[in-house]
């Protein structure tokens, strides 16, 4: 969430070199590359990124509220929440 635009661009380029269909040569590489590009489009646009960050915040709040299914997440303990 706190990554700079330059960090996002650098990470995108690094993954794009690995996942590009011409380099990877796997059938699933094309779909993974498309997903990577969609993610980069979202994170590189400040308005889209703000919407995405807000959606993550809402998702985190709804999962920690204790209502409904926990979706595999374990409960937090006081001992592990402390910064020592």
N, C-alpha and C. Protein backbone atom coordinates (compact mmCIF):
# COMPACT_ATOMS: atom_id res chain seq x y z
N UNK A 1 0.82 -1.19 0.00
CA UNK A 1 0.00 0.00 0.00
C UNK A 1 0.87 1.26 0.00
N UNK A 2 2.04 1.18 0.60
CA UNK A 2 2.88 2.35 0.71
C UNK A 2 3.96 2.45 -0.35
N UNK A 3 3.86 1.67 -1.42
CA UNK A 3 4.90 1.67 -2.45
C UNK A 3 4.81 2.95 -3.29
N UNK A 4 5.97 3.46 -3.65
CA UNK A 4 6.01 4.64 -4.51
C UNK A 4 5.75 4.23 -5.95
N UNK A 5 5.50 5.22 -6.81
CA UNK A 5 5.27 4.94 -8.23
C UNK A 5 6.49 4.29 -8.86
N UNK A 6 7.66 4.74 -8.46
CA UNK A 6 8.90 4.18 -9.01
C UNK A 6 9.06 2.71 -8.58
N UNK A 7 8.72 2.39 -7.33
CA UNK A 7 8.81 1.00 -6.86
C UNK A 7 7.84 0.10 -7.61
N UNK A 8 6.65 0.60 -7.87
CA UNK A 8 5.64 -0.17 -8.61
C UNK A 8 6.12 -0.42 -10.04
N UNK A 9 6.64 0.63 -10.66
CA UNK A 9 7.13 0.50 -12.04
C UNK A 9 8.29 -0.48 -12.12
N UNK A 10 9.19 -0.40 -11.16
CA UNK A 10 10.35 -1.30 -11.14
C UNK A 10 9.91 -2.76 -10.96
N UNK A 11 8.98 -2.99 -10.04
CA UNK A 11 8.48 -4.35 -9.81
C UNK A 11 7.74 -4.87 -11.04
N UNK A 12 6.97 -4.00 -11.69
CA UNK A 12 6.26 -4.40 -12.91
C UNK A 12 7.24 -4.83 -13.99
N UNK A 13 8.25 -4.01 -14.23
CA UNK A 13 9.22 -4.33 -15.28
C UNK A 13 9.97 -5.63 -14.99
N UNK A 14 10.29 -5.84 -13.72
CA UNK A 14 11.00 -7.07 -13.35
C UNK A 14 10.13 -8.30 -13.62
N UNK A 15 8.86 -8.23 -13.22
CA UNK A 15 7.96 -9.36 -13.47
C UNK A 15 7.63 -9.52 -14.95
N UNK A 16 7.51 -8.39 -15.66
CA UNK A 16 7.18 -8.46 -17.09
C UNK A 16 8.28 -9.18 -17.86
N UNK A 17 9.52 -8.99 -17.46
CA UNK A 17 10.63 -9.69 -18.13
C UNK A 17 10.51 -11.21 -17.95
N UNK A 18 10.00 -11.62 -16.82
CA UNK A 18 9.89 -13.05 -16.52
C UNK A 18 8.62 -13.65 -17.12
N UNK A 19 7.51 -12.92 -17.05
CA UNK A 19 6.22 -13.47 -17.46
C UNK A 19 5.85 -13.23 -18.92
N UNK A 20 6.62 -12.44 -19.63
CA UNK A 20 6.26 -12.16 -21.02
C UNK A 20 6.19 -13.47 -21.80
N UNK A 21 5.13 -13.65 -22.60
CA UNK A 21 4.94 -14.92 -23.33
C UNK A 21 6.10 -15.29 -24.25
N UNK A 22 6.79 -14.30 -24.81
CA UNK A 22 7.92 -14.60 -25.69
C UNK A 22 9.10 -15.16 -24.91
N UNK A 23 9.18 -14.83 -23.63
CA UNK A 23 10.30 -15.29 -22.81
C UNK A 23 9.94 -16.58 -22.07
N UNK A 24 8.74 -16.59 -21.46
CA UNK A 24 8.35 -17.73 -20.62
C UNK A 24 8.08 -18.98 -21.43
N UNK A 25 7.42 -18.83 -22.57
CA UNK A 25 7.16 -19.98 -23.42
C UNK A 25 6.11 -20.94 -22.91
N UNK A 26 5.42 -20.61 -21.85
CA UNK A 26 4.36 -21.48 -21.33
C UNK A 26 3.00 -20.99 -21.80
N UNK A 27 2.03 -21.89 -21.82
CA UNK A 27 0.69 -21.51 -22.25
C UNK A 27 0.05 -20.52 -21.28
N UNK A 28 0.29 -20.70 -20.00
CA UNK A 28 -0.33 -19.82 -19.00
C UNK A 28 0.37 -18.48 -18.89
N UNK A 29 1.51 -18.31 -19.53
CA UNK A 29 2.27 -17.07 -19.42
C UNK A 29 1.50 -15.88 -19.97
N UNK A 30 0.77 -16.08 -21.06
CA UNK A 30 0.03 -14.97 -21.66
C UNK A 30 -1.03 -14.44 -20.71
N UNK A 31 -1.78 -15.33 -20.09
CA UNK A 31 -2.83 -14.88 -19.17
C UNK A 31 -2.22 -14.24 -17.91
N UNK A 32 -1.10 -14.78 -17.43
CA UNK A 32 -0.45 -14.18 -16.28
C UNK A 32 0.11 -12.80 -16.62
N UNK A 33 0.64 -12.64 -17.82
CA UNK A 33 1.17 -11.35 -18.25
C UNK A 33 0.04 -10.33 -18.37
N UNK A 34 -1.10 -10.75 -18.88
CA UNK A 34 -2.26 -9.85 -18.99
C UNK A 34 -2.72 -9.42 -17.61
N UNK A 35 -2.77 -10.35 -16.65
CA UNK A 35 -3.15 -10.00 -15.28
C UNK A 35 -2.16 -9.02 -14.66
N UNK A 36 -0.88 -9.25 -14.93
CA UNK A 36 0.16 -8.35 -14.43
C UNK A 36 -0.04 -6.95 -15.01
N UNK A 37 -0.32 -6.87 -16.29
CA UNK A 37 -0.51 -5.57 -16.93
C UNK A 37 -1.74 -4.86 -16.39
N UNK A 38 -2.83 -5.60 -16.15
CA UNK A 38 -4.03 -5.00 -15.56
C UNK A 38 -3.73 -4.43 -14.18
N UNK A 39 -2.98 -5.17 -13.39
CA UNK A 39 -2.61 -4.70 -12.06
C UNK A 39 -1.76 -3.44 -12.15
N UNK A 40 -0.83 -3.42 -13.09
CA UNK A 40 0.02 -2.23 -13.26
C UNK A 40 -0.82 -1.03 -13.70
N UNK A 41 -1.77 -1.24 -14.60
CA UNK A 41 -2.64 -0.15 -15.02
C UNK A 41 -3.39 0.45 -13.83
N UNK A 42 -3.85 -0.41 -12.94
CA UNK A 42 -4.57 0.07 -11.76
C UNK A 42 -3.65 0.80 -10.81
N UNK A 43 -2.49 0.24 -10.54
CA UNK A 43 -1.60 0.83 -9.54
C UNK A 43 -0.85 2.04 -10.06
N UNK A 44 -0.69 2.19 -11.37
CA UNK A 44 0.04 3.33 -11.89
C UNK A 44 -0.84 4.56 -12.05
N UNK A 45 -2.15 4.40 -12.06
CA UNK A 45 -3.08 5.53 -12.14
C UNK A 45 -3.47 5.94 -10.73
N UNK A 46 -3.16 7.19 -10.32
CA UNK A 46 -3.43 7.60 -8.94
C UNK A 46 -4.89 7.45 -8.50
N UNK A 47 -5.85 7.75 -9.38
CA UNK A 47 -7.26 7.63 -9.01
C UNK A 47 -7.66 6.16 -8.84
N UNK A 48 -7.24 5.31 -9.79
CA UNK A 48 -7.56 3.89 -9.68
C UNK A 48 -6.88 3.26 -8.47
N UNK A 49 -5.65 3.70 -8.19
CA UNK A 49 -4.93 3.17 -7.04
C UNK A 49 -5.61 3.55 -5.73
N UNK A 50 -6.10 4.78 -5.64
CA UNK A 50 -6.81 5.22 -4.44
C UNK A 50 -8.07 4.38 -4.23
N UNK A 51 -8.80 4.10 -5.31
CA UNK A 51 -9.98 3.23 -5.21
C UNK A 51 -9.59 1.84 -4.74
N UNK A 52 -8.51 1.30 -5.30
CA UNK A 52 -8.05 -0.04 -4.92
C UNK A 52 -7.62 -0.07 -3.45
N UNK A 53 -6.88 0.94 -3.01
CA UNK A 53 -6.46 0.99 -1.61
C UNK A 53 -7.65 1.08 -0.68
N UNK A 54 -8.67 1.86 -1.07
CA UNK A 54 -9.88 1.95 -0.24
C UNK A 54 -10.59 0.60 -0.18
N UNK A 55 -10.62 -0.13 -1.30
CA UNK A 55 -11.28 -1.44 -1.31
C UNK A 55 -10.54 -2.41 -0.40
N UNK A 56 -9.21 -2.34 -0.37
CA UNK A 56 -8.44 -3.20 0.53
C UNK A 56 -8.72 -2.84 1.98
N UNK A 57 -8.82 -1.57 2.26
CA UNK A 57 -9.10 -1.13 3.63
C UNK A 57 -10.47 -1.63 4.07
N UNK A 58 -11.48 -1.50 3.20
CA UNK A 58 -12.83 -1.98 3.54
C UNK A 58 -12.82 -3.49 3.74
N UNK A 59 -12.10 -4.22 2.88
CA UNK A 59 -12.01 -5.67 2.99
C UNK A 59 -11.37 -6.06 4.31
N UNK A 60 -10.31 -5.39 4.69
CA UNK A 60 -9.62 -5.67 5.95
C UNK A 60 -10.51 -5.40 7.14
N UNK A 61 -11.28 -4.33 7.10
CA UNK A 61 -12.18 -4.01 8.21
C UNK A 61 -13.29 -5.03 8.32
N UNK A 62 -13.83 -5.48 7.18
CA UNK A 62 -14.93 -6.44 7.24
C UNK A 62 -14.45 -7.80 7.72
N UNK A 63 -13.20 -8.16 7.42
CA UNK A 63 -12.69 -9.46 7.87
C UNK A 63 -12.33 -9.43 9.34
N UNK A 64 -11.94 -8.28 9.86
CA UNK A 64 -11.55 -8.21 11.26
C UNK A 64 -12.73 -7.88 12.16
N UNK A 65 -13.91 -7.64 11.60
CA UNK A 65 -15.05 -7.28 12.42
C UNK A 65 -15.60 -8.45 13.22
N UNK A 66 -15.29 -9.67 12.81
CA UNK A 66 -15.72 -10.84 13.56
C UNK A 66 -17.06 -11.39 13.13
N UNK A 67 -17.72 -10.74 12.20
CA UNK A 67 -19.01 -11.24 11.75
C UNK A 67 -18.83 -12.15 10.55
N UNK A 68 -19.58 -13.21 10.51
CA UNK A 68 -19.53 -14.11 9.37
C UNK A 68 -18.34 -15.05 9.40
N UNK A 69 -18.06 -15.60 8.25
CA UNK A 69 -16.97 -16.57 8.13
C UNK A 69 -15.62 -15.88 8.20
N UNK A 70 -14.66 -16.57 8.75
CA UNK A 70 -13.33 -16.00 8.90
C UNK A 70 -12.44 -16.30 7.70
N UNK A 71 -12.92 -17.10 6.77
CA UNK A 71 -12.20 -17.40 5.52
C UNK A 71 -10.79 -17.92 5.76
N UNK A 72 -10.60 -18.73 6.78
CA UNK A 72 -9.29 -19.31 6.99
C UNK A 72 -8.33 -18.47 7.80
N UNK A 73 -8.70 -17.27 8.15
CA UNK A 73 -7.82 -16.43 8.94
C UNK A 73 -7.90 -16.84 10.41
N UNK A 74 -6.77 -16.87 11.07
CA UNK A 74 -6.75 -17.22 12.48
C UNK A 74 -6.95 -15.97 13.31
N UNK A 75 -7.41 -16.17 14.52
CA UNK A 75 -7.61 -15.02 15.40
C UNK A 75 -6.26 -14.49 15.85
N UNK A 76 -6.23 -13.20 16.14
CA UNK A 76 -4.99 -12.58 16.56
C UNK A 76 -4.87 -12.67 18.07
N UNK A 77 -3.66 -12.72 18.55
CA UNK A 77 -3.40 -12.80 19.97
C UNK A 77 -2.65 -11.56 20.41
N UNK A 78 -2.88 -11.16 21.62
CA UNK A 78 -2.23 -9.97 22.15
C UNK A 78 -0.72 -10.08 22.05
N UNK A 79 -0.18 -11.25 22.34
CA UNK A 79 1.26 -11.42 22.34
C UNK A 79 1.87 -11.19 20.97
N UNK A 80 1.17 -11.59 19.92
CA UNK A 80 1.71 -11.44 18.58
C UNK A 80 1.43 -10.06 17.98
N UNK A 81 0.52 -9.31 18.57
CA UNK A 81 0.20 -7.98 18.06
C UNK A 81 1.15 -6.90 18.56
N UNK A 82 1.94 -7.22 19.56
CA UNK A 82 2.82 -6.23 20.16
C UNK A 82 4.11 -6.09 19.37
N UNK A 83 4.61 -4.89 19.29
CA UNK A 83 5.89 -4.63 18.64
C UNK A 83 6.95 -4.57 19.73
N UNK A 84 7.83 -5.50 19.77
CA UNK A 84 8.85 -5.53 20.82
C UNK A 84 10.15 -5.05 20.29
